[in-house]
Amino acid sequence: MVLKSVDHPSSFMTNFLRSCGGSAVIDGGLATELQRHGADLNDPLWSAKCLISSPHLIRRVHLDYLEAGANIIISSSYQATLQGFEAKGFSRKEGEALLEKSVKIACEARDIYNERATKGFWDVSGDGATPRQRPILVAASVGSYGAFLADGSEYSGRYGDNVSLETLKDFHRRRVQVLAASGADLIAFETIPNKLEAEAYAELLDEEGINIPAWFSFSCKDGASVSSGEPVKDCALVAGSCEQVIGVGINCTAPRYIHELIQSIQKVTDKPILIYPNSGETYDGRRKEWVQSSGVGDVDFVSYVRKWREAGASLVGGCCRTTPNTIRAISKALSNS
């Protein structure tokens, strides 16, 4: 379901949600599952390391989420930056090829799933019935500048006084251009920690040659503020005013804050709201590990999902530390809502 030149961005997500019955399921955590399958992600490239060492694991995780009921799978390009690949010794051309590869793997997984679904291979319904093909989008992930720095600033939004709007646009531009032409259905600008980076993304989407729909998903520290401390309403307003943006929401944020954040976003935009929180644990960016806090289990996630849907969220999934079991529970909750 690729946006055509004659399509209007505002109708893209509306039509997709209608084809899904009014709500859609986003996939869950990628790195968690890659590690469960044996990948070593102790590397500045994080999950993008598997584009080089074990692309078959990425494809397997995408398929796991499709089997669990996901309507949208997100590519493994969150930590994949041209600057990061160059630091590992790859040329600019090789880095661009790896970005394209991240989308190609996701598209291949979708094709494999659809082929098997028509043959009754998957039983996503849980009752033994042969599943039908369903609408599935591939979103090309773009992580924040802080994700490239790998110093924890992606969770604080504090990049320093020397990082300007132009700095961020120059950093992201070629990456966004490559992903926009990669065959993805949309770009997922994820874990946006501050207003400045949202403004950089919005201006890039207005540049010539980048004709692709996108969603903006912010990371938040509480029920009112993004990670930098700026009001989520101000950040959502930036996204809502950009024509190419077809959805606004929250990811990598504790579930307990989501309901209030949905209400704040609704005050400044009428675009579809998407949410894919983490498990509720806290990531220590300096120690590079997750710290147990008030995490929620799959059963708890189900109770949240119904409330989020009632509050106005149209797309629901999971982020860090969520699994195919979480997504399966979300899918069932949405189908029953």
C-alpha atoms as a PDB file:
ATOM      1  CA  MET A   1       0.000   0.000   0.000  1.00  0.00           C
ATOM      2  CA  VAL A   2       2.357   2.694  -1.261  1.00  0.00           C
ATOM      3  CA  LEU A   3       1.408   6.354  -1.488  1.00  0.00           C
ATOM      4  CA  LYS A   4       0.978   7.286  -5.136  1.00  0.00           C
ATOM      5  CA  SER A   5       1.671  10.744  -6.483  1.00  0.00           C
ATOM      6  CA  VAL A   6      -2.052  11.263  -7.004  1.00  0.00           C
ATOM      7  CA  ASP A   7      -2.920  10.293  -3.435  1.00  0.00           C
ATOM      8  CA  HIS A   8      -3.292  12.833  -0.663  1.00  0.00           C
ATOM      9  CA  PRO A   9      -1.394  12.050   2.544  1.00  0.00           C
ATOM     10  CA  SER A  10      -4.440  12.731   4.709  1.00  0.00           C
ATOM     11  CA  SER A  11      -6.325   9.863   3.084  1.00  0.00           C
ATOM     12  CA  PHE A  12      -3.513   7.321   3.311  1.00  0.00           C
ATOM     13  CA  MET A  13      -3.906   6.336   6.960  1.00  0.00           C
ATOM     14  CA  THR A  14      -7.664   6.847   6.898  1.00  0.00           C
ATOM     15  CA  ASN A  15      -8.009   4.333   4.075  1.00  0.00           C
ATOM     16  CA  PHE A  16      -5.608   1.912   5.725  1.00  0.00           C
ATOM     17  CA  LEU A  17      -7.434   2.006   9.058  1.00  0.00           C
ATOM     18  CA  ARG A  18     -10.742   1.511   7.288  1.00  0.00           C
ATOM     19  CA  SER A  19      -9.337  -1.590   5.589  1.00  0.00           C
ATOM     20  CA  CYS A  20      -8.268  -2.875   9.015  1.00  0.00           C
ATOM     21  CA  GLY A  21     -11.683  -2.386  10.572  1.00  0.00           C
ATOM     22  CA  GLY A  22     -10.983   0.937  12.279  1.00  0.00           C
ATOM     23  CA  SER A  23      -7.826   0.131  14.217  1.00  0.00           C
ATOM     24  CA  ALA A  24      -4.440  -1.403  13.448  1.00  0.00           C
ATOM     25  CA  VAL A  25      -1.697  -3.270  15.291  1.00  0.00           C
ATOM     26  CA  ILE A  26       1.934  -2.113  15.263  1.00  0.00           C
ATOM     27  CA  ASP A  27       4.650  -4.668  15.956  1.00  0.00           C
ATOM     28  CA  GLY A  28       6.761  -4.898  19.124  1.00  0.00           C
ATOM     29  CA  GLY A  29      10.349  -4.685  20.306  1.00  0.00           C
ATOM     30  CA  LEU A  30      12.979  -5.728  17.760  1.00  0.00           C
ATOM     31  CA  ALA A  31      16.193  -5.810  19.789  1.00  0.00           C
ATOM     32  CA  THR A  32      14.611  -7.865  22.567  1.00  0.00           C
ATOM     33  CA  GLU A  33      13.634 -10.563  20.105  1.00  0.00           C
ATOM     34  CA  LEU A  34      16.919 -10.488  18.192  1.00  0.00           C
ATOM     35  CA  GLN A  35      18.742 -11.112  21.458  1.00  0.00           C
ATOM     36  CA  ARG A  36      16.344 -13.898  22.347  1.00  0.00           C
ATOM     37  CA  HIS A  37      17.270 -15.552  19.051  1.00  0.00           C
ATOM     38  CA  GLY A  38      20.957 -15.311  19.918  1.00  0.00           C
ATOM     39  CA  ALA A  39      22.107 -11.983  18.446  1.00  0.00           C
ATOM     40  CA  ASP A  40      24.838 -10.051  20.267  1.00  0.00           C
ATOM     41  CA  LEU A  41      23.852  -6.374  20.090  1.00  0.00           C
ATOM     42  CA  ASN A  42      26.651  -4.955  22.202  1.00  0.00           C
ATOM     43  CA  ASP A  43      27.637  -2.557  19.456  1.00  0.00           C
ATOM     44  CA  PRO A  44      27.061   1.125  18.578  1.00  0.00           C
ATOM     45  CA  LEU A  45      24.893  -0.078  15.683  1.00  0.00           C
ATOM     46  CA  TRP A  46      22.667  -2.009  18.141  1.00  0.00           C
ATOM     47  CA  SER A  47      19.951  -3.915  16.241  1.00  0.00           C
ATOM     48  CA  ALA A  48      21.246  -2.563  12.910  1.00  0.00           C
ATOM     49  CA  LYS A  49      24.323  -4.740  13.456  1.00  0.00           C
ATOM     50  CA  CYS A  50      22.186  -7.684  12.351  1.00  0.00           C
ATOM     51  CA  LEU A  51      21.818  -6.141   8.896  1.00  0.00           C
ATOM     52  CA  ILE A  52      25.471  -7.071   8.495  1.00  0.00           C
ATOM     53  CA  SER A  53      25.851 -10.211  10.605  1.00  0.00           C
ATOM     54  CA  SER A  54      22.483 -11.977  10.654  1.00  0.00           C
ATOM     55  CA  PRO A  55      19.729 -10.549   8.427  1.00  0.00           C
ATOM     56  CA  HIS A  56      17.883 -13.876   8.645  1.00  0.00           C
ATOM     57  CA  LEU A  57      17.162 -13.144  12.318  1.00  0.00           C
ATOM     58  CA  ILE A  58      15.580  -9.811  11.430  1.00  0.00           C
ATOM     59  CA  ARG A  59      13.330 -11.542   8.893  1.00  0.00           C
ATOM     60  CA  ARG A  60      12.401 -14.160  11.492  1.00  0.00           C
ATOM     61  CA  VAL A  61      11.387 -11.512  14.045  1.00  0.00           C
ATOM     62  CA  HIS A  62       9.291  -9.659  11.455  1.00  0.00           C
ATOM     63  CA  LEU A  63       7.511 -12.936  10.666  1.00  0.00           C
ATOM     64  CA  ASP A  64       6.943 -13.616  14.371  1.00  0.00           C
ATOM     65  CA  TYR A  65       5.166 -10.278  14.699  1.00  0.00           C
ATOM     66  CA  LEU A  66       3.107 -10.822  11.576  1.00  0.00           C
ATOM     67  CA  GLU A  67       2.050 -14.194  12.891  1.00  0.00           C
ATOM     68  CA  ALA A  68       1.075 -12.485  16.151  1.00  0.00           C
ATOM     69  CA  GLY A  69      -1.296 -10.177  14.255  1.00  0.00           C
ATOM     70  CA  ALA A  70       0.702  -7.038  13.412  1.00  0.00           C
ATOM     71  CA  ASN A  71      -0.589  -4.841  10.584  1.00  0.00           C
ATOM     72  CA  ILE A  72       2.542  -2.691  10.544  1.00  0.00           C
ATOM     73  CA  ILE A  73       6.113  -3.924  10.818  1.00  0.00           C
ATOM     74  CA  ILE A  74       8.932  -1.456  11.392  1.00  0.00           C
ATOM     75  CA  SER A  75      12.282  -1.894   9.669  1.00  0.00           C
ATOM     76  CA  SER A  76      15.565  -2.500  11.491  1.00  0.00           C
ATOM     77  CA  SER A  77      16.936   0.928  10.556  1.00  0.00           C
ATOM     78  CA  TYR A  78      16.337   2.719  13.866  1.00  0.00           C
ATOM     79  CA  GLN A  79      20.051   2.719  14.709  1.00  0.00           C
ATOM     80  CA  ALA A  80      21.158   2.464  11.073  1.00  0.00           C
ATOM     81  CA  THR A  81      22.781   5.765  10.139  1.00  0.00           C
ATOM     82  CA  LEU A  82      25.209   6.501   7.338  1.00  0.00           C
ATOM     83  CA  GLN A  83      27.519   8.112   9.863  1.00  0.00           C
ATOM     84  CA  GLY A  84      27.356   5.019  12.060  1.00  0.00           C
ATOM     85  CA  PHE A  85      28.158   2.701   9.175  1.00  0.00           C
ATOM     86  CA  GLU A  86      31.053   4.906   8.090  1.00  0.00           C
ATOM     87  CA  ALA A  87      32.458   4.719  11.620  1.00  0.00           C
ATOM     88  CA  LYS A  88      32.505   0.926  11.172  1.00  0.00           C
ATOM     89  CA  GLY A  89      34.479   1.214   7.932  1.00  0.00           C
ATOM     90  CA  PHE A  90      31.667   1.085   5.359  1.00  0.00           C
ATOM     91  CA  SER A  91      31.559   3.463   2.413  1.00  0.00           C
ATOM     92  CA  ARG A  92      28.660   5.840   1.906  1.00  0.00           C
ATOM     93  CA  LYS A  93      27.363   3.635  -0.924  1.00  0.00           C
ATOM     94  CA  GLU A  94      27.577   0.519   1.258  1.00  0.00           C
ATOM     95  CA  GLY A  95      25.764   2.321   4.066  1.00  0.00           C
ATOM     96  CA  GLU A  96      22.964   3.335   1.749  1.00  0.00           C
ATOM     97  CA  ALA A  97      22.667  -0.261   0.563  1.00  0.00           C
ATOM     98  CA  LEU A  98      22.286  -1.419   4.179  1.00  0.00           C
ATOM     99  CA  LEU A  99      19.498   1.112   4.732  1.00  0.00           C
ATOM    100  CA  GLU A 100      17.724  -0.222   1.658  1.00  0.00           C
ATOM    101  CA  LYS A 101      18.335  -3.753   2.892  1.00  0.00           C
ATOM    102  CA  SER A 102      16.479  -3.059   6.139  1.00  0.00           C
ATOM    103  CA  VAL A 103      13.320  -2.267   4.174  1.00  0.00           C
ATOM    104  CA  LYS A 104      13.851  -5.102   1.714  1.00  0.00           C
ATOM    105  CA  ILE A 105      13.986  -7.634   4.576  1.00  0.00           C
ATOM    106  CA  ALA A 106      10.716  -6.324   6.005  1.00  0.00           C
ATOM    107  CA  CYS A 107       9.050  -6.444   2.581  1.00  0.00           C
ATOM    108  CA  GLU A 108      10.298  -9.996   2.080  1.00  0.00           C
ATOM    109  CA  ALA A 109       8.827 -11.000   5.427  1.00  0.00           C
ATOM    110  CA  ARG A 110       5.480  -9.527   4.393  1.00  0.00           C
ATOM    111  CA  ASP A 111       5.571 -11.446   1.105  1.00  0.00           C
ATOM    112  CA  ILE A 112       6.442 -14.695   2.886  1.00  0.00           C
ATOM    113  CA  TYR A 113       3.666 -14.165   5.410  1.00  0.00           C
ATOM    114  CA  ASN A 114       1.065 -13.424   2.747  1.00  0.00           C
ATOM    115  CA  GLU A 115       2.064 -16.440   0.693  1.00  0.00           C
ATOM    116  CA  ARG A 116       1.843 -18.730   3.696  1.00  0.00           C
ATOM    117  CA  ALA A 117      -1.397 -17.153   4.871  1.00  0.00           C
ATOM    118  CA  THR A 118      -3.110 -18.009   1.601  1.00  0.00           C
ATOM    119  CA  LYS A 119      -2.069 -21.620   2.139  1.00  0.00           C
ATOM    120  CA  GLY A 120      -3.350 -21.694   5.714  1.00  0.00           C
ATOM    121  CA  PHE A 121       0.146 -21.915   7.190  1.00  0.00           C
ATOM    122  CA  TRP A 122      -0.504 -19.330   9.884  1.00  0.00           C
ATOM    123  CA  ASP A 123      -3.331 -19.561  12.387  1.00  0.00           C
ATOM    124  CA  VAL A 124      -3.503 -16.032  13.707  1.00  0.00           C
ATOM    125  CA  SER A 125      -7.168 -16.399  14.600  1.00  0.00           C
ATOM    126  CA  GLY A 126      -6.480 -18.821  17.419  1.00  0.00           C
ATOM    127  CA  ASP A 127      -9.514 -20.957  16.591  1.00  0.00           C
ATOM    128  CA  GLY A 128      -8.102 -23.128  13.846  1.00  0.00           C
ATOM    129  CA  ALA A 129      -9.681 -21.150  11.019  1.00  0.00           C
ATOM    130  CA  THR A 130      -7.626 -20.411   7.927  1.00  0.00           C
ATOM    131  CA  PRO A 131      -6.574 -16.743   8.125  1.00  0.00           C
ATOM    132  CA  ARG A 132      -7.049 -14.388   5.208  1.00  0.00           C
ATOM    133  CA  GLN A 133      -4.447 -11.972   3.951  1.00  0.00           C
ATOM    134  CA  ARG A 134      -4.794  -8.709   5.808  1.00  0.00           C
ATOM    135  CA  PRO A 135      -3.541  -5.171   5.160  1.00  0.00           C
ATOM    136  CA  ILE A 136       0.146  -4.921   6.122  1.00  0.00           C
ATOM    137  CA  LEU A 137       2.393  -1.872   5.880  1.00  0.00           C
ATOM    138  CA  VAL A 138       6.170  -1.640   6.106  1.00  0.00           C
ATOM    139  CA  ALA A 139       7.408   1.409   7.985  1.00  0.00           C
ATOM    140  CA  ALA A 140      11.032   2.516   7.597  1.00  0.00           C
ATOM    141  CA  SER A 141      12.353   3.463  11.009  1.00  0.00           C
ATOM    142  CA  VAL A 142      14.339   6.640  11.613  1.00  0.00           C
ATOM    143  CA  GLY A 143      15.833   6.953  15.076  1.00  0.00           C
ATOM    144  CA  SER A 144      16.887  10.200  16.690  1.00  0.00           C
ATOM    145  CA  TYR A 145      20.255  11.921  16.559  1.00  0.00           C
ATOM    146  CA  GLY A 146      20.701  10.840  20.163  1.00  0.00           C
ATOM    147  CA  ALA A 147      20.384   7.187  19.141  1.00  0.00           C
ATOM    148  CA  PHE A 148      23.437   7.648  16.902  1.00  0.00           C
ATOM    149  CA  LEU A 149      25.372   9.308  19.735  1.00  0.00           C
ATOM    150  CA  ALA A 150      24.615   6.277  21.941  1.00  0.00           C
ATOM    151  CA  ASP A 151      25.195   8.345  25.065  1.00  0.00           C
ATOM    152  CA  GLY A 152      21.690   8.230  26.507  1.00  0.00           C
ATOM    153  CA  SER A 153      20.664  11.582  25.005  1.00  0.00           C
ATOM    154  CA  GLU A 154      17.930   9.896  22.971  1.00  0.00           C
ATOM    155  CA  TYR A 155      16.181   9.476  26.328  1.00  0.00           C
ATOM    156  CA  SER A 156      16.823  13.036  27.534  1.00  0.00           C
ATOM    157  CA  GLY A 157      16.597  15.081  24.354  1.00  0.00           C
ATOM    158  CA  ARG A 158      19.527  17.187  25.497  1.00  0.00           C
ATOM    159  CA  TYR A 159      21.946  17.406  22.577  1.00  0.00           C
ATOM    160  CA  GLY A 160      23.873  20.467  23.673  1.00  0.00           C
ATOM    161  CA  ASP A 161      23.992  24.075  22.486  1.00  0.00           C
ATOM    162  CA  ASN A 162      26.040  23.257  19.389  1.00  0.00           C
ATOM    163  CA  VAL A 163      23.290  21.133  17.826  1.00  0.00           C
ATOM    164  CA  SER A 164      21.034  23.331  15.718  1.00  0.00           C
ATOM    165  CA  LEU A 165      18.086  22.737  13.423  1.00  0.00           C
ATOM    166  CA  GLU A 166      20.451  22.709  10.443  1.00  0.00           C
ATOM    167  CA  THR A 167      22.758  20.250  12.213  1.00  0.00           C
ATOM    168  CA  LEU A 168      19.900  17.792  12.591  1.00  0.00           C
ATOM    169  CA  LYS A 169      18.632  18.285   9.044  1.00  0.00           C
ATOM    170  CA  ASP A 170      22.105  17.693   7.638  1.00  0.00           C
ATOM    171  CA  PHE A 171      22.526  14.592   9.794  1.00  0.00           C
ATOM    172  CA  HIS A 172      19.229  12.985   8.751  1.00  0.00           C
ATOM    173  CA  ARG A 173      18.772  14.227   5.161  1.00  0.00           C
ATOM    174  CA  ARG A 174      20.461  11.543   3.076  1.00  0.00           C
ATOM    175  CA  ARG A 175      19.175   8.762   5.303  1.00  0.00           C
ATOM    176  CA  VAL A 176      15.600   9.986   4.881  1.00  0.00           C
ATOM    177  CA  GLN A 177      16.078  10.334   1.121  1.00  0.00           C
ATOM    178  CA  VAL A 178      17.312   6.746   0.829  1.00  0.00           C
ATOM    179  CA  LEU A 179      14.515   5.317   2.967  1.00  0.00           C
ATOM    180  CA  ALA A 180      11.892   7.369   1.125  1.00  0.00           C
ATOM    181  CA  ALA A 181      12.955   5.669  -2.116  1.00  0.00           C
ATOM    182  CA  SER A 182      13.433   2.199  -0.601  1.00  0.00           C
ATOM    183  CA  GLY A 183       9.962   0.767  -1.224  1.00  0.00           C
ATOM    184  CA  ALA A 184       8.661   1.345   2.304  1.00  0.00           C
ATOM    185  CA  ASP A 185       5.038   2.434   2.669  1.00  0.00           C
ATOM    186  CA  LEU A 186       5.881   5.162   5.164  1.00  0.00           C
ATOM    187  CA  ILE A 187       8.638   6.475   7.408  1.00  0.00           C
ATOM    188  CA  ALA A 188       8.346   6.092  11.172  1.00  0.00           C
ATOM    189  CA  PHE A 189      10.211   8.899  12.894  1.00  0.00           C
ATOM    190  CA  GLU A 190      10.525   7.243  16.283  1.00  0.00           C
ATOM    191  CA  THR A 191      11.429   8.083  19.868  1.00  0.00           C
ATOM    192  CA  ILE A 192      11.620  11.812  19.071  1.00  0.00           C
ATOM    193  CA  PRO A 193      12.845  13.359  22.345  1.00  0.00           C
ATOM    194  CA  ASN A 194      12.485  17.076  21.675  1.00  0.00           C
ATOM    195  CA  LYS A 195      10.706  19.700  19.598  1.00  0.00           C
ATOM    196  CA  LEU A 196      13.806  20.709  17.623  1.00  0.00           C
ATOM    197  CA  GLU A 197      14.206  17.275  16.045  1.00  0.00           C
ATOM    198  CA  ALA A 198      10.510  17.193  15.148  1.00  0.00           C
ATOM    199  CA  GLU A 199      10.945  20.528  13.393  1.00  0.00           C
ATOM    200  CA  ALA A 200      13.964  19.148  11.507  1.00  0.00           C
ATOM    201  CA  TYR A 201      11.964  16.128  10.323  1.00  0.00           C
ATOM    202  CA  ALA A 202       9.025  18.299   9.270  1.00  0.00           C
ATOM    203  CA  GLU A 203      11.275  20.541   7.177  1.00  0.00           C
ATOM    204  CA  LEU A 204      12.968  17.541   5.556  1.00  0.00           C
ATOM    205  CA  LEU A 205       9.589  16.121   4.539  1.00  0.00           C
ATOM    206  CA  ASP A 206       8.886  19.380   2.724  1.00  0.00           C
ATOM    207  CA  GLU A 207      12.054  19.110   0.654  1.00  0.00           C
ATOM    208  CA  GLU A 208      11.920  18.131  -2.995  1.00  0.00           C
ATOM    209  CA  GLY A 209      12.307  14.418  -3.660  1.00  0.00           C
ATOM    210  CA  ILE A 210      10.966  13.159  -0.334  1.00  0.00           C
ATOM    211  CA  ASN A 211       7.433  12.158  -1.257  1.00  0.00           C
ATOM    212  CA  ILE A 212       6.399   9.625   1.345  1.00  0.00           C
ATOM    213  CA  PRO A 213       3.935   9.655   4.238  1.00  0.00           C
ATOM    214  CA  ALA A 214       5.335   9.538   7.754  1.00  0.00           C
ATOM    215  CA  TRP A 215       4.382   9.350  11.378  1.00  0.00           C
ATOM    216  CA  PHE A 216       5.965  11.204  14.273  1.00  0.00           C
ATOM    217  CA  SER A 217       6.250   9.290  17.524  1.00  0.00           C
ATOM    218  CA  PHE A 218       7.595  11.022  20.633  1.00  0.00           C
ATOM    219  CA  SER A 219       9.207   9.581  23.749  1.00  0.00           C
ATOM    220  CA  CYS A 220       7.884  11.066  26.981  1.00  0.00           C
ATOM    221  CA  LYS A 221       9.072  11.360  30.570  1.00  0.00           C
ATOM    222  CA  ASP A 222       5.609  11.742  32.110  1.00  0.00           C
ATOM    223  CA  GLY A 223       2.004  12.338  31.150  1.00  0.00           C
ATOM    224  CA  ALA A 224       2.559  15.833  29.788  1.00  0.00           C
ATOM    225  CA  SER A 225       6.129  16.240  28.566  1.00  0.00           C
ATOM    226  CA  VAL A 226       8.458  14.709  25.999  1.00  0.00           C
ATOM    227  CA  SER A 227      11.852  13.489  27.182  1.00  0.00           C
ATOM    228  CA  SER A 228      13.407  16.968  26.945  1.00  0.00           C
ATOM    229  CA  GLY A 229      10.760  18.371  29.279  1.00  0.00           C
ATOM    230  CA  GLU A 230       8.931  20.330  26.555  1.00  0.00           C
ATOM    231  CA  PRO A 231       5.127  20.021  26.467  1.00  0.00           C
ATOM    232  CA  VAL A 232       3.992  17.131  24.288  1.00  0.00           C
ATOM    233  CA  LYS A 233       1.273  19.410  22.893  1.00  0.00           C
ATOM    234  CA  ASP A 234       3.878  21.758  21.426  1.00  0.00           C
ATOM    235  CA  CYS A 235       5.700  18.851  19.778  1.00  0.00           C
ATOM    236  CA  ALA A 236       2.516  17.257  18.464  1.00  0.00           C
ATOM    237  CA  LEU A 237       1.533  20.603  16.969  1.00  0.00           C
ATOM    238  CA  VAL A 238       4.699  20.546  14.829  1.00  0.00           C
ATOM    239  CA  ALA A 239       3.758  17.108  13.541  1.00  0.00           C
ATOM    240  CA  GLY A 240       0.128  17.996  13.048  1.00  0.00           C
ATOM    241  CA  SER A 241       0.983  20.995  10.878  1.00  0.00           C
ATOM    242  CA  CYS A 242       3.066  18.919   8.427  1.00  0.00           C
ATOM    243  CA  GLU A 243       1.044  17.684   5.449  1.00  0.00           C
ATOM    244  CA  GLN A 244       3.104  14.517   4.928  1.00  0.00           C
ATOM    245  CA  VAL A 245       2.546  13.400   8.529  1.00  0.00           C
ATOM    246  CA  ILE A 246      -0.298  10.888   8.646  1.00  0.00           C
ATOM    247  CA  GLY A 247      -0.143   9.958  12.317  1.00  0.00           C
ATOM    248  CA  VAL A 248       1.105  11.385  15.606  1.00  0.00           C
ATOM    249  CA  GLY A 249       1.837   9.516  18.778  1.00  0.00           C
ATOM    250  CA  ILE A 250       4.016   8.114  21.497  1.00  0.00           C
ATOM    251  CA  ASN A 251       6.514   5.269  21.766  1.00  0.00           C
ATOM    252  CA  CYS A 252       9.143   4.005  24.210  1.00  0.00           C
ATOM    253  CA  THR A 253       7.197   5.483  27.107  1.00  0.00           C
ATOM    254  CA  ALA A 254       5.795   3.809  30.207  1.00  0.00           C
ATOM    255  CA  PRO A 255       2.212   2.563  29.730  1.00  0.00           C
ATOM    256  CA  ARG A 256       0.966   4.433  32.783  1.00  0.00           C
ATOM    257  CA  TYR A 257       1.458   7.797  31.022  1.00  0.00           C
ATOM    258  CA  ILE A 258      -0.185   6.978  27.711  1.00  0.00           C
ATOM    259  CA  HIS A 259      -3.827   7.821  28.431  1.00  0.00           C
ATOM    260  CA  GLU A 260      -3.022  11.362  29.524  1.00  0.00           C
ATOM    261  CA  LEU A 261      -0.669  11.849  26.565  1.00  0.00           C
ATOM    262  CA  ILE A 262      -3.363  10.782  24.104  1.00  0.00           C
ATOM    263  CA  GLN A 263      -5.667  13.431  25.560  1.00  0.00           C
ATOM    264  CA  SER A 264      -2.972  16.104  25.184  1.00  0.00           C
ATOM    265  CA  ILE A 265      -2.273  15.217  21.557  1.00  0.00           C
ATOM    266  CA  GLN A 266      -5.970  15.287  20.694  1.00  0.00           C
ATOM    267  CA  LYS A 267      -6.126  18.933  21.728  1.00  0.00           C
ATOM    268  CA  VAL A 268      -3.806  20.031  18.919  1.00  0.00           C
ATOM    269  CA  THR A 269      -4.374  17.625  16.015  1.00  0.00           C
ATOM    270  CA  ASP A 270      -7.107  15.484  14.513  1.00  0.00           C
ATOM    271  CA  LYS A 271      -4.645  13.135  12.792  1.00  0.00           C
ATOM    272  CA  PRO A 272      -4.763   9.448  13.771  1.00  0.00           C
ATOM    273  CA  ILE A 273      -3.039   8.749  17.077  1.00  0.00           C
ATOM    274  CA  LEU A 274      -0.605   5.873  17.410  1.00  0.00           C
ATOM    275  CA  ILE A 275       0.933   4.526  20.583  1.00  0.00           C
ATOM    276  CA  TYR A 276       3.469   1.784  21.170  1.00  0.00           C
ATOM    277  CA  PRO A 277       4.805   1.993  24.725  1.00  0.00           C
ATOM    278  CA  ASN A 278       7.659   0.035  26.230  1.00  0.00           C
ATOM    279  CA  SER A 279       7.159  -2.539  28.966  1.00  0.00           C
ATOM    280  CA  GLY A 280       7.358   0.114  31.680  1.00  0.00           C
ATOM    281  CA  GLU A 281      10.984  -0.581  32.543  1.00  0.00           C
ATOM    282  CA  THR A 282      13.580   2.198  32.468  1.00  0.00           C
ATOM    283  CA  TYR A 283      16.635   2.236  30.225  1.00  0.00           C
ATOM    284  CA  ASP A 284      19.927   3.409  31.699  1.00  0.00           C
ATOM    285  CA  GLY A 285      21.672   4.913  28.676  1.00  0.00           C
ATOM    286  CA  ARG A 286      25.080   5.051  30.304  1.00  0.00           C
ATOM    287  CA  ARG A 287      25.061   1.531  31.711  1.00  0.00           C
ATOM    288  CA  LYS A 288      23.366   0.267  28.512  1.00  0.00           C
ATOM    289  CA  GLU A 289      20.830  -1.848  30.382  1.00  0.00           C
ATOM    290  CA  TRP A 290      17.175  -1.934  31.370  1.00  0.00           C
ATOM    291  CA  VAL A 291      16.277  -1.336  34.994  1.00  0.00           C
ATOM    292  CA  GLN A 292      13.278  -3.057  36.498  1.00  0.00           C
ATOM    293  CA  SER A 293      10.547  -0.672  37.550  1.00  0.00           C
ATOM    294  CA  SER A 294       6.781  -0.790  37.195  1.00  0.00           C
ATOM    295  CA  GLY A 295       6.762  -2.976  34.093  1.00  0.00           C
ATOM    296  CA  VAL A 296       3.502  -4.524  32.939  1.00  0.00           C
ATOM    297  CA  GLY A 297       2.772  -7.992  31.692  1.00  0.00           C
ATOM    298  CA  ASP A 298       0.809  -8.977  28.627  1.00  0.00           C
ATOM    299  CA  VAL A 299      -2.412  -9.318  30.629  1.00  0.00           C
ATOM    300  CA  ASP A 300      -2.006  -5.784  32.006  1.00  0.00           C
ATOM    301  CA  PHE A 301      -1.296  -4.507  28.516  1.00  0.00           C
ATOM    302  CA  VAL A 302      -4.685  -5.804  27.399  1.00  0.00           C
ATOM    303  CA  SER A 303      -6.494  -3.760  30.027  1.00  0.00           C
ATOM    304  CA  TYR A 304      -4.577  -0.668  28.941  1.00  0.00           C
ATOM    305  CA  VAL A 305      -5.292  -1.251  25.255  1.00  0.00           C
ATOM    306  CA  ARG A 306      -9.041  -0.967  25.684  1.00  0.00           C
ATOM    307  CA  LYS A 307      -8.623   2.329  27.561  1.00  0.00           C
ATOM    308  CA  TRP A 308      -6.239   3.706  24.947  1.00  0.00           C
ATOM    309  CA  ARG A 309      -8.607   2.768  22.153  1.00  0.00           C
ATOM    310  CA  GLU A 310     -11.516   4.411  23.932  1.00  0.00           C
ATOM    311  CA  ALA A 311      -9.376   7.516  24.501  1.00  0.00           C
ATOM    312  CA  GLY A 312      -8.793   7.837  20.769  1.00  0.00           C
ATOM    313  CA  ALA A 313      -5.738   5.807  19.743  1.00  0.00           C
ATOM    314  CA  SER A 314      -6.204   4.108  16.372  1.00  0.00           C
ATOM    315  CA  LEU A 315      -2.881   2.254  16.143  1.00  0.00           C
ATOM    316  CA  VAL A 316      -1.476   0.293  19.063  1.00  0.00           C
ATOM    317  CA  GLY A 317       1.686  -1.756  19.465  1.00  0.00           C
ATOM    318  CA  GLY A 318       4.701  -2.200  21.680  1.00  0.00           C
ATOM    319  CA  CYS A 319       8.239  -0.881  21.890  1.00  0.00           C
ATOM    320  CA  CYS A 320      11.277  -1.980  23.904  1.00  0.00           C
ATOM    321  CA  ARG A 321      10.947  -5.200  25.926  1.00  0.00           C
ATOM    322  CA  THR A 322       7.600  -6.131  24.404  1.00  0.00           C
ATOM    323  CA  THR A 323       7.319  -9.415  22.514  1.00  0.00           C
ATOM    324  CA  PRO A 324       5.126 -11.249  19.990  1.00  0.00           C
ATOM    325  CA  ASN A 325       3.041 -12.410  22.942  1.00  0.00           C
ATOM    326  CA  THR A 326       2.368  -8.767  23.792  1.00  0.00           C
ATOM    327  CA  ILE A 327       1.363  -8.019  20.215  1.00  0.00           C
ATOM    328  CA  ARG A 328      -0.863 -11.098  20.100  1.00  0.00           C
ATOM    329  CA  ALA A 329      -2.641  -9.845  23.216  1.00  0.00           C
ATOM    330  CA  ILE A 330      -3.021  -6.354  21.710  1.00  0.00           C
ATOM    331  CA  SER A 331      -4.431  -7.806  18.494  1.00  0.00           C
ATOM    332  CA  LYS A 332      -7.042  -9.816  20.373  1.00  0.00           C
ATOM    333  CA  ALA A 333      -7.957  -6.833  22.549  1.00  0.00           C
ATOM    334  CA  LEU A 334      -8.467  -4.573  19.533  1.00  0.00           C
ATOM    335  CA  SER A 335     -10.516  -7.186  17.681  1.00  0.00           C
ATOM    336  CA  ASN A 336     -12.811  -7.418  20.707  1.00  0.00           C
ATOM    337  CA  SER A 337     -13.095  -3.680  21.290  1.00  0.00           C
END
